Amino acid sequence: MGARSHSTEPLRASMKPCNVKYVAGSLLACTMLMAPRLALAGPPFMTDDPEPVEYRHHELYISSQLVKTQDGRSGTLPHLEYNYGAAPDLQLHIIVPYAFNSPVHGQRESGLGDVELGIKYRFMQETDSRPMVGIFPLVETHTGDASKGLGNGATQVYLPVWLQKRWGKWQSYGGGGYWINNAANARNHWFFGWQLQKDVSEHLTLGGEIFHNTEQISGQGGNSGFNLGGFYNFDKHNHLLFSAGRGLTNVNMTNQLSSYVGYQLTW
C-alpha cells in the first residue's frame, strides 16, 4: 500500500510553548493553537481527511513537529503514530509523543506527552458528483506532565467531520469540528481547515492548507494560519512527509513558525 495522496493524521494543533502561567495548556492544548495533528492532524498538515487506512493495512509514522512563538519552542522529538484498518471504512489510531518544551525564560523540559486515541469512520464514498465524508473522533489523554508544559492536565475530546474530493491530479479535503477541553483556563473551541494538493509526479505531491482556531485559552484570542508541504513516495512502502508554515493572525502568541517532518511506512 502506497502513501495516501492526502494527509493522514499529525499532531493536531499549533503548539505554543507552555510555562507555569499556562499549566492548563499542554503540548496538546498549547499545540492546538495552530491546529499539526499535537493533538497529535493529518500528516503533514493539520487539516485532516475522511479516508481511513485500507482494511487490514497499516501505517506507521516516526515524526517530529515544532512550533515557535514569542515564548519559546515546543513540539515532539519524535512522536510515533500508528493507524490500522480494523474493518472496511474503519481505522484505529494512536499517537505517542515524546514532547519537549523550551521557554525563552525557563528550563527546557522533555518527556512523555499526551497520548492521542481515535477512530476514523467513512460513511459516504466519493462519486463523480459528491465528496467522500467521514468522522474522526479523538480523545487526548493527560499522560504528559502539565507542570512541565508537556501535557494538558485534563482530557480533551475532538468531534470533527471531514470531506474529500479528487479531480484528476488534484485533490482537496477539509472540514472541522469542536474541541472539548477540561483543563483549567482552557476554552472549548472550534477548528476549521481546508487543504488543496496536486500530484506533481508519480513520486511527489505538493499542497497547502489554511486553518482557523477560535479562542483556546481565555484572553488569548483565536488564530488563523497556513502550511505548505507534501510528501515524496520512494516506493509503495516508504514515504517522506514535510510541511512548514506560520500564523496569519495572533502570530506572536500562537505561531511564528511551525514545521513537520516524518517518515511513513505502509504495509
C-alpha atoms as a PDB file:
ATOM      1  CA  MET A   1       0.000   0.000   0.000  1.00  0.00           C
ATOM      2  CA  GLY A   2       1.480   3.350  -1.011  1.00  0.00           C
ATOM      3  CA  ALA A   3       1.161   6.615   0.813  1.00  0.00           C
ATOM      4  CA  ARG A   4      -2.266   8.091   0.533  1.00  0.00           C
ATOM      5  CA  SER A   5      -2.470  11.085  -1.754  1.00  0.00           C
ATOM      6  CA  HIS A   6      -3.721  13.148   1.140  1.00  0.00           C
ATOM      7  CA  SER A   7      -2.712  13.803   4.691  1.00  0.00           C
ATOM      8  CA  THR A   8      -3.175  11.103   7.259  1.00  0.00           C
ATOM      9  CA  GLU A   9      -3.128  12.222  10.886  1.00  0.00           C
ATOM     10  CA  PRO A  10      -0.261  14.544  12.618  1.00  0.00           C
ATOM     11  CA  LEU A  11      -0.401  16.312  15.697  1.00  0.00           C
ATOM     12  CA  ARG A  12      -3.297  18.443  15.717  1.00  0.00           C
ATOM     13  CA  ALA A  13      -2.698  21.975  16.672  1.00  0.00           C
ATOM     14  CA  SER A  14      -0.424  24.867  16.665  1.00  0.00           C
ATOM     15  CA  MET A  15       1.860  24.273  19.555  1.00  0.00           C
ATOM     16  CA  LYS A  16       2.509  27.139  21.884  1.00  0.00           C
ATOM     17  CA  PRO A  17       5.339  26.802  24.377  1.00  0.00           C
ATOM     18  CA  CYS A  18       3.794  26.396  27.811  1.00  0.00           C
ATOM     19  CA  ASN A  19       5.021  27.829  31.074  1.00  0.00           C
ATOM     20  CA  VAL A  20       3.803  27.770  34.663  1.00  0.00           C
ATOM     21  CA  LYS A  21       1.387  30.535  33.759  1.00  0.00           C
ATOM     22  CA  TYR A  22      -0.254  28.153  31.295  1.00  0.00           C
ATOM     23  CA  VAL A  23      -0.316  24.908  33.237  1.00  0.00           C
ATOM     24  CA  ALA A  24      -3.678  24.488  31.550  1.00  0.00           C
ATOM     25  CA  GLY A  25      -2.009  24.466  28.161  1.00  0.00           C
ATOM     26  CA  SER A  26      -0.269  21.228  27.383  1.00  0.00           C
ATOM     27  CA  LEU A  27       1.798  20.317  24.476  1.00  0.00           C
ATOM     28  CA  LEU A  28      -1.562  19.329  23.150  1.00  0.00           C
ATOM     29  CA  ALA A  29      -3.661  22.125  24.414  1.00  0.00           C
ATOM     30  CA  CYS A  30      -0.975  24.591  23.616  1.00  0.00           C
ATOM     31  CA  THR A  31      -0.145  22.931  20.374  1.00  0.00           C
ATOM     32  CA  MET A  32      -3.663  23.097  19.255  1.00  0.00           C
ATOM     33  CA  LEU A  33      -3.326  26.796  18.960  1.00  0.00           C
ATOM     34  CA  MET A  34      -2.314  26.228  15.434  1.00  0.00           C
ATOM     35  CA  ALA A  35      -4.154  23.212  14.588  1.00  0.00           C
ATOM     36  CA  PRO A  36      -0.387  19.688  13.212  1.00  0.00           C
ATOM     37  CA  ARG A  37      -2.191  16.810  14.498  1.00  0.00           C
ATOM     38  CA  LEU A  38      -0.210  17.908  18.921  1.00  0.00           C
ATOM     39  CA  ALA A  39      -3.483  16.980  19.034  1.00  0.00           C
ATOM     40  CA  LEU A  40      -1.440  14.841  17.593  1.00  0.00           C
ATOM     41  CA  ALA A  41      -3.846  16.013  12.389  1.00  0.00           C
ATOM     42  CA  GLY A  42      -3.348  14.725   9.033  1.00  0.00           C
ATOM     43  CA  PRO A  43       0.373  14.441   8.364  1.00  0.00           C
ATOM     44  CA  PRO A  44       1.970  16.575   7.199  1.00  0.00           C
ATOM     45  CA  PHE A  45      -0.920  19.029   7.645  1.00  0.00           C
ATOM     46  CA  MET A  46      -3.241  19.977  10.485  1.00  0.00           C
ATOM     47  CA  THR A  47      -6.371  19.661   8.383  1.00  0.00           C
ATOM     48  CA  ASP A  48      -7.489  16.047   8.208  1.00  0.00           C
ATOM     49  CA  ASP A  49      -9.353  13.886   5.702  1.00  0.00           C
ATOM     50  CA  PRO A  50     -12.118  11.236   5.835  1.00  0.00           C
ATOM     51  CA  GLU A  51     -10.192   8.404   4.150  1.00  0.00           C
ATOM     52  CA  PRO A  52      -9.310   5.522   6.514  1.00  0.00           C
ATOM     53  CA  VAL A  53      -6.442   3.093   6.106  1.00  0.00           C
ATOM     54  CA  GLU A  54      -7.451   0.176   3.888  1.00  0.00           C
ATOM     55  CA  TYR A  55      -8.869  -2.899   5.615  1.00  0.00           C
ATOM     56  CA  ARG A  56      -6.111  -4.966   7.289  1.00  0.00           C
ATOM     57  CA  HIS A  57      -3.435  -2.476   6.234  1.00  0.00           C
ATOM     58  CA  HIS A  58      -1.094  -0.484   8.470  1.00  0.00           C
ATOM     59  CA  GLU A  59       0.554   2.957   8.668  1.00  0.00           C
ATOM     60  CA  LEU A  60       3.456   3.798  10.973  1.00  0.00           C
ATOM     61  CA  TYR A  61       4.907   7.316  11.297  1.00  0.00           C
ATOM     62  CA  ILE A  62       8.091   8.440  13.021  1.00  0.00           C
ATOM     63  CA  SER A  63       7.859  12.222  13.021  1.00  0.00           C
ATOM     64  CA  SER A  64       8.886  15.475  14.626  1.00  0.00           C
ATOM     65  CA  GLN A  65       6.838  18.633  14.997  1.00  0.00           C
ATOM     66  CA  LEU A  66       7.890  22.122  16.090  1.00  0.00           C
ATOM     67  CA  VAL A  67       6.094  25.375  16.855  1.00  0.00           C
ATOM     68  CA  LYS A  68       7.841  28.636  17.753  1.00  0.00           C
ATOM     69  CA  THR A  69       6.162  31.578  19.499  1.00  0.00           C
ATOM     70  CA  GLN A  70       7.387  34.648  21.354  1.00  0.00           C
ATOM     71  CA  ASP A  71       7.576  32.487  24.499  1.00  0.00           C
ATOM     72  CA  GLY A  72       9.858  29.812  23.038  1.00  0.00           C
ATOM     73  CA  ARG A  73       9.635  26.482  21.218  1.00  0.00           C
ATOM     74  CA  SER A  74       7.666  23.290  21.797  1.00  0.00           C
ATOM     75  CA  GLY A  75       6.975  20.119  19.880  1.00  0.00           C
ATOM     76  CA  THR A  76       7.819  16.452  19.608  1.00  0.00           C
ATOM     77  CA  LEU A  77      11.159  14.744  19.023  1.00  0.00           C
ATOM     78  CA  PRO A  78       9.874  12.326  17.954  1.00  0.00           C
ATOM     79  CA  HIS A  79       6.270  11.142  18.087  1.00  0.00           C
ATOM     80  CA  LEU A  80       5.072   7.733  16.926  1.00  0.00           C
ATOM     81  CA  GLU A  81       1.775   7.362  15.096  1.00  0.00           C
ATOM     82  CA  TYR A  82       0.101   4.088  14.160  1.00  0.00           C
ATOM     83  CA  ASN A  83      -3.072   3.568  12.108  1.00  0.00           C
ATOM     84  CA  TYR A  84      -4.744   0.233  11.364  1.00  0.00           C
ATOM     85  CA  GLY A  85      -7.627  -0.631   9.033  1.00  0.00           C
ATOM     86  CA  ALA A  86      -9.626  -2.702  11.505  1.00  0.00           C
ATOM     87  CA  ALA A  87     -12.684  -3.067   9.240  1.00  0.00           C
ATOM     88  CA  PRO A  88     -13.886  -1.752   5.886  1.00  0.00           C
ATOM     89  CA  ASP A  89     -14.196   2.053   6.229  1.00  0.00           C
ATOM     90  CA  LEU A  90     -12.932   1.928   9.853  1.00  0.00           C
ATOM     91  CA  GLN A  91      -9.483   2.929  11.130  1.00  0.00           C
ATOM     92  CA  LEU A  92      -7.989   2.706  14.627  1.00  0.00           C
ATOM     93  CA  HIS A  93      -5.475   5.412  15.554  1.00  0.00           C
ATOM     94  CA  ILE A  94      -2.893   6.154  18.258  1.00  0.00           C
ATOM     95  CA  ILE A  95      -0.138   8.762  18.699  1.00  0.00           C
ATOM     96  CA  VAL A  96       2.501   8.523  21.423  1.00  0.00           C
ATOM     97  CA  PRO A  97       4.603  11.720  21.631  1.00  0.00           C
ATOM     98  CA  TYR A  98       7.971  12.360  23.224  1.00  0.00           C
ATOM     99  CA  ALA A  99       7.380  16.034  23.872  1.00  0.00           C
ATOM    100  CA  PHE A 100       9.665  18.966  24.621  1.00  0.00           C
ATOM    101  CA  ASN A 101       9.014  22.479  25.883  1.00  0.00           C
ATOM    102  CA  SER A 102      11.775  25.111  25.689  1.00  0.00           C
ATOM    103  CA  PRO A 103      10.572  28.513  27.003  1.00  0.00           C
ATOM    104  CA  VAL A 104      12.613  31.655  26.396  1.00  0.00           C
ATOM    105  CA  HIS A 105      12.838  32.269  30.140  1.00  0.00           C
ATOM    106  CA  GLY A 106      12.890  28.910  31.830  1.00  0.00           C
ATOM    107  CA  GLN A 107      14.228  25.397  31.848  1.00  0.00           C
ATOM    108  CA  ARG A 108      13.897  23.072  28.874  1.00  0.00           C
ATOM    109  CA  GLU A 109      11.694  20.078  29.699  1.00  0.00           C
ATOM    110  CA  SER A 110      11.087  16.821  27.826  1.00  0.00           C
ATOM    111  CA  GLY A 111       9.239  13.574  28.366  1.00  0.00           C
ATOM    112  CA  LEU A 112       6.065  11.698  27.512  1.00  0.00           C
ATOM    113  CA  GLY A 113       3.349  13.953  26.129  1.00  0.00           C
ATOM    114  CA  ASP A 114      -0.412  13.412  25.942  1.00  0.00           C
ATOM    115  CA  VAL A 115      -1.300  10.204  24.098  1.00  0.00           C
ATOM    116  CA  GLU A 116      -3.963  10.524  21.369  1.00  0.00           C
ATOM    117  CA  LEU A 117      -6.527   7.811  20.594  1.00  0.00           C
ATOM    118  CA  GLY A 118      -9.076   7.879  17.774  1.00  0.00           C
ATOM    119  CA  ILE A 119     -11.403   6.045  15.410  1.00  0.00           C
ATOM    120  CA  LYS A 120     -11.938   7.194  11.824  1.00  0.00           C
ATOM    121  CA  TYR A 121     -15.145   6.080  10.085  1.00  0.00           C
ATOM    122  CA  ARG A 122     -16.033   6.803   6.447  1.00  0.00           C
ATOM    123  CA  PHE A 123     -19.806   6.763   5.988  1.00  0.00           C
ATOM    124  CA  MET A 124     -20.039   8.166   2.456  1.00  0.00           C
ATOM    125  CA  GLN A 125     -17.917   7.111  -0.533  1.00  0.00           C
ATOM    126  CA  GLU A 126     -16.761   9.594  -3.156  1.00  0.00           C
ATOM    127  CA  THR A 127     -18.536   9.599  -6.534  1.00  0.00           C
ATOM    128  CA  ASP A 128     -18.342  11.819  -9.614  1.00  0.00           C
ATOM    129  CA  SER A 129     -20.948  14.129  -8.111  1.00  0.00           C
ATOM    130  CA  ARG A 130     -20.313  14.016  -4.347  1.00  0.00           C
ATOM    131  CA  PRO A 131     -17.354  14.034  -1.932  1.00  0.00           C
ATOM    132  CA  MET A 132     -16.187  11.373   0.463  1.00  0.00           C
ATOM    133  CA  VAL A 133     -17.388  12.099   4.032  1.00  0.00           C
ATOM    134  CA  GLY A 134     -16.275  10.712   7.373  1.00  0.00           C
ATOM    135  CA  ILE A 135     -15.873  11.375  11.087  1.00  0.00           C
ATOM    136  CA  PHE A 136     -12.745  11.067  13.206  1.00  0.00           C
ATOM    137  CA  PRO A 137     -13.452  11.475  16.960  1.00  0.00           C
ATOM    138  CA  LEU A 138     -10.316  11.770  19.096  1.00  0.00           C
ATOM    139  CA  VAL A 139      -9.521  11.561  22.787  1.00  0.00           C
ATOM    140  CA  GLU A 140      -6.413  13.319  24.109  1.00  0.00           C
ATOM    141  CA  THR A 141      -5.385  11.652  27.360  1.00  0.00           C
ATOM    142  CA  HIS A 142      -3.494  13.578  30.043  1.00  0.00           C
ATOM    143  CA  THR A 143      -0.399  11.378  30.273  1.00  0.00           C
ATOM    144  CA  GLY A 144       2.016  14.329  29.924  1.00  0.00           C
ATOM    145  CA  ASP A 145       3.248  16.348  32.906  1.00  0.00           C
ATOM    146  CA  ALA A 146       1.327  19.630  32.729  1.00  0.00           C
ATOM    147  CA  SER A 147       3.548  21.282  35.361  1.00  0.00           C
ATOM    148  CA  LYS A 148       6.451  20.989  32.883  1.00  0.00           C
ATOM    149  CA  GLY A 149       4.427  22.116  29.871  1.00  0.00           C
ATOM    150  CA  LEU A 150       4.322  18.578  28.466  1.00  0.00           C
ATOM    151  CA  GLY A 151       0.636  17.845  28.939  1.00  0.00           C
ATOM    152  CA  ASN A 152      -2.784  19.425  29.059  1.00  0.00           C
ATOM    153  CA  GLY A 153      -3.536  18.359  32.622  1.00  0.00           C
ATOM    154  CA  ALA A 154      -7.004  17.115  31.672  1.00  0.00           C
ATOM    155  CA  THR A 155      -8.687  15.038  28.982  1.00  0.00           C
ATOM    156  CA  GLN A 156      -9.701  16.611  25.665  1.00  0.00           C
ATOM    157  CA  VAL A 157     -12.187  15.325  23.082  1.00  0.00           C
ATOM    158  CA  TYR A 158     -12.373  16.360  19.405  1.00  0.00           C
ATOM    159  CA  LEU A 159     -15.513  15.783  17.300  1.00  0.00           C
ATOM    160  CA  PRO A 160     -14.853  16.621  13.595  1.00  0.00           C
ATOM    161  CA  VAL A 161     -16.448  15.925  10.209  1.00  0.00           C
ATOM    162  CA  TRP A 162     -14.174  15.731   7.114  1.00  0.00           C
ATOM    163  CA  LEU A 163     -14.863  15.853   3.338  1.00  0.00           C
ATOM    164  CA  GLN A 164     -12.649  14.984   0.356  1.00  0.00           C
ATOM    165  CA  LYS A 165     -12.871  15.171  -3.456  1.00  0.00           C
ATOM    166  CA  ARG A 166     -10.454  14.354  -6.283  1.00  0.00           C
ATOM    167  CA  TRP A 167     -10.272  15.733  -9.843  1.00  0.00           C
ATOM    168  CA  GLY A 168      -7.535  14.013 -11.838  1.00  0.00           C
ATOM    169  CA  LYS A 169      -4.173  15.034 -10.363  1.00  0.00           C
ATOM    170  CA  TRP A 170      -5.843  17.497  -7.973  1.00  0.00           C
ATOM    171  CA  GLN A 171      -7.350  16.651  -4.595  1.00  0.00           C
ATOM    172  CA  SER A 172      -8.902  18.716  -1.829  1.00  0.00           C
ATOM    173  CA  TYR A 173     -10.169  17.923   1.642  1.00  0.00           C
ATOM    174  CA  GLY A 174     -11.222  19.756   4.778  1.00  0.00           C
ATOM    175  CA  GLY A 175     -13.883  20.420   7.368  1.00  0.00           C
ATOM    176  CA  GLY A 176     -13.630  20.895  11.102  1.00  0.00           C
ATOM    177  CA  GLY A 177     -15.098  20.194  14.472  1.00  0.00           C
ATOM    178  CA  TYR A 178     -15.415  21.037  18.150  1.00  0.00           C
ATOM    179  CA  TRP A 179     -12.733  20.589  20.819  1.00  0.00           C
ATOM    180  CA  ILE A 180     -13.884  19.921  24.399  1.00  0.00           C
ATOM    181  CA  ASN A 181     -11.063  20.813  26.792  1.00  0.00           C
ATOM    182  CA  ASN A 182     -11.495  20.189  30.522  1.00  0.00           C
ATOM    183  CA  ALA A 183      -8.261  21.901  31.631  1.00  0.00           C
ATOM    184  CA  ALA A 184      -8.236  24.982  33.861  1.00  0.00           C
ATOM    185  CA  ASN A 185      -8.329  28.300  31.938  1.00  0.00           C
ATOM    186  CA  ALA A 186      -8.908  26.413  28.680  1.00  0.00           C
ATOM    187  CA  ARG A 187     -11.901  27.105  26.474  1.00  0.00           C
ATOM    188  CA  ASN A 188     -13.841  24.693  24.310  1.00  0.00           C
ATOM    189  CA  HIS A 189     -13.213  25.811  20.749  1.00  0.00           C
ATOM    190  CA  TRP A 190     -13.710  25.167  17.030  1.00  0.00           C
ATOM    191  CA  PHE A 191     -11.106  24.214  14.452  1.00  0.00           C
ATOM    192  CA  PHE A 192     -11.690  24.627  10.694  1.00  0.00           C
ATOM    193  CA  GLY A 193      -9.251  23.831   7.901  1.00  0.00           C
ATOM    194  CA  TRP A 194      -9.069  23.239   4.161  1.00  0.00           C
ATOM    195  CA  GLN A 195      -6.289  21.749   2.010  1.00  0.00           C
ATOM    196  CA  LEU A 196      -5.518  21.570  -1.737  1.00  0.00           C
ATOM    197  CA  GLN A 197      -2.814  19.413  -3.335  1.00  0.00           C
ATOM    198  CA  LYS A 198      -1.555  18.214  -6.712  1.00  0.00           C
ATOM    199  CA  ASP A 199       0.324  15.096  -7.839  1.00  0.00           C
ATOM    200  CA  VAL A 200       3.369  16.720  -9.426  1.00  0.00           C
ATOM    201  CA  SER A 201       4.822  13.369 -10.484  1.00  0.00           C
ATOM    202  CA  GLU A 202       4.499   9.673  -9.730  1.00  0.00           C
ATOM    203  CA  HIS A 203       6.578  10.213  -6.585  1.00  0.00           C
ATOM    204  CA  LEU A 204       5.924  13.809  -5.482  1.00  0.00           C
ATOM    205  CA  THR A 205       2.747  15.507  -4.220  1.00  0.00           C
ATOM    206  CA  LEU A 206       2.685  19.159  -3.086  1.00  0.00           C
ATOM    207  CA  GLY A 207      -0.041  21.140  -1.393  1.00  0.00           C
ATOM    208  CA  GLY A 208      -1.080  23.756   1.124  1.00  0.00           C
ATOM    209  CA  GLU A 209      -3.708  24.456   3.749  1.00  0.00           C
ATOM    210  CA  ILE A 210      -5.340  27.303   5.616  1.00  0.00           C
ATOM    211  CA  PHE A 211      -6.920  26.882   9.046  1.00  0.00           C
ATOM    212  CA  HIS A 212      -8.588  28.756  11.892  1.00  0.00           C
ATOM    213  CA  ASN A 213      -8.991  28.120  15.618  1.00  0.00           C
ATOM    214  CA  THR A 214     -11.390  30.029  17.822  1.00  0.00           C
ATOM    215  CA  GLU A 215     -10.043  31.086  21.226  1.00  0.00           C
ATOM    216  CA  GLN A 216      -8.449  28.176  23.132  1.00  0.00           C
ATOM    217  CA  ILE A 217      -7.118  29.936  26.258  1.00  0.00           C
ATOM    218  CA  SER A 218      -9.059  32.717  27.961  1.00  0.00           C
ATOM    219  CA  GLY A 219      -7.756  36.117  26.905  1.00  0.00           C
ATOM    220  CA  GLN A 220      -5.513  34.805  24.135  1.00  0.00           C
ATOM    221  CA  GLY A 221      -7.889  35.183  21.185  1.00  0.00           C
ATOM    222  CA  GLY A 222      -8.345  32.982  18.139  1.00  0.00           C
ATOM    223  CA  ASN A 223      -5.809  32.417  15.390  1.00  0.00           C
ATOM    224  CA  SER A 224      -5.516  31.566  11.709  1.00  0.00           C
ATOM    225  CA  GLY A 225      -2.549  30.233   9.738  1.00  0.00           C
ATOM    226  CA  PHE A 226      -1.257  28.276   6.772  1.00  0.00           C
ATOM    227  CA  ASN A 227       1.138  25.439   5.930  1.00  0.00           C
ATOM    228  CA  LEU A 228       2.840  24.416   2.667  1.00  0.00           C
ATOM    229  CA  GLY A 229       4.215  20.915   2.188  1.00  0.00           C
ATOM    230  CA  GLY A 230       3.701  17.496   0.697  1.00  0.00           C
ATOM    231  CA  PHE A 231       5.195  14.041   0.551  1.00  0.00           C
ATOM    232  CA  TYR A 232       7.628  12.026  -1.520  1.00  0.00           C
ATOM    233  CA  ASN A 233       6.943   8.351  -2.251  1.00  0.00           C
ATOM    234  CA  PHE A 234      10.213   6.410  -2.540  1.00  0.00           C
ATOM    235  CA  ASP A 235       8.166   3.261  -3.256  1.00  0.00           C
ATOM    236  CA  LYS A 236       4.822   1.784  -2.202  1.00  0.00           C
ATOM    237  CA  HIS A 237       6.014   1.257   1.377  1.00  0.00           C
ATOM    238  CA  ASN A 238       8.355   4.165   2.198  1.00  0.00           C
ATOM    239  CA  HIS A 239       7.375   7.843   2.230  1.00  0.00           C
ATOM    240  CA  LEU A 240       8.767  11.209   3.380  1.00  0.00           C
ATOM    241  CA  LEU A 241       6.310  13.860   4.644  1.00  0.00           C
ATOM    242  CA  PHE A 242       7.101  17.531   5.256  1.00  0.00           C
ATOM    243  CA  SER A 243       5.470  20.919   5.826  1.00  0.00           C
ATOM    244  CA  ALA A 244       6.202  24.394   7.176  1.00  0.00           C
ATOM    245  CA  GLY A 245       4.081  27.460   7.844  1.00  0.00           C
ATOM    246  CA  ARG A 246       3.125  30.220  10.236  1.00  0.00           C
ATOM    247  CA  GLY A 247       0.198  32.106  11.650  1.00  0.00           C
ATOM    248  CA  LEU A 248      -1.724  34.817   9.852  1.00  0.00           C
ATOM    249  CA  THR A 249      -3.354  36.322  12.952  1.00  0.00           C
ATOM    250  CA  ASN A 250      -2.236  36.485  16.584  1.00  0.00           C
ATOM    251  CA  VAL A 251       1.140  35.339  15.262  1.00  0.00           C
ATOM    252  CA  ASN A 252       3.476  36.111  18.179  1.00  0.00           C
ATOM    253  CA  MET A 253       1.255  34.373  20.715  1.00  0.00           C
ATOM    254  CA  THR A 254       0.426  31.282  18.698  1.00  0.00           C
ATOM    255  CA  ASN A 255       2.603  30.514  15.654  1.00  0.00           C
ATOM    256  CA  GLN A 256       5.631  32.442  14.428  1.00  0.00           C
ATOM    257  CA  LEU A 257       6.921  29.305  12.705  1.00  0.00           C
ATOM    258  CA  SER A 258       5.751  25.696  12.543  1.00  0.00           C
ATOM    259  CA  SER A 259       7.209  22.627  10.873  1.00  0.00           C
ATOM    260  CA  TYR A 260       6.623  18.903  10.454  1.00  0.00           C
ATOM    261  CA  VAL A 261       8.872  16.185   9.054  1.00  0.00           C
ATOM    262  CA  GLY A 262       8.221  12.474   9.189  1.00  0.00           C
ATOM    263  CA  TYR A 263       8.910   9.047   7.759  1.00  0.00           C
ATOM    264  CA  GLN A 264       5.897   6.872   6.902  1.00  0.00           C
ATOM    265  CA  LEU A 265       5.948   3.103   6.487  1.00  0.00           C
ATOM    266  CA  THR A 266       2.858   1.482   4.941  1.00  0.00           C
ATOM    267  CA  TRP A 267       2.064  -2.202   4.516  1.00  0.00           C
END
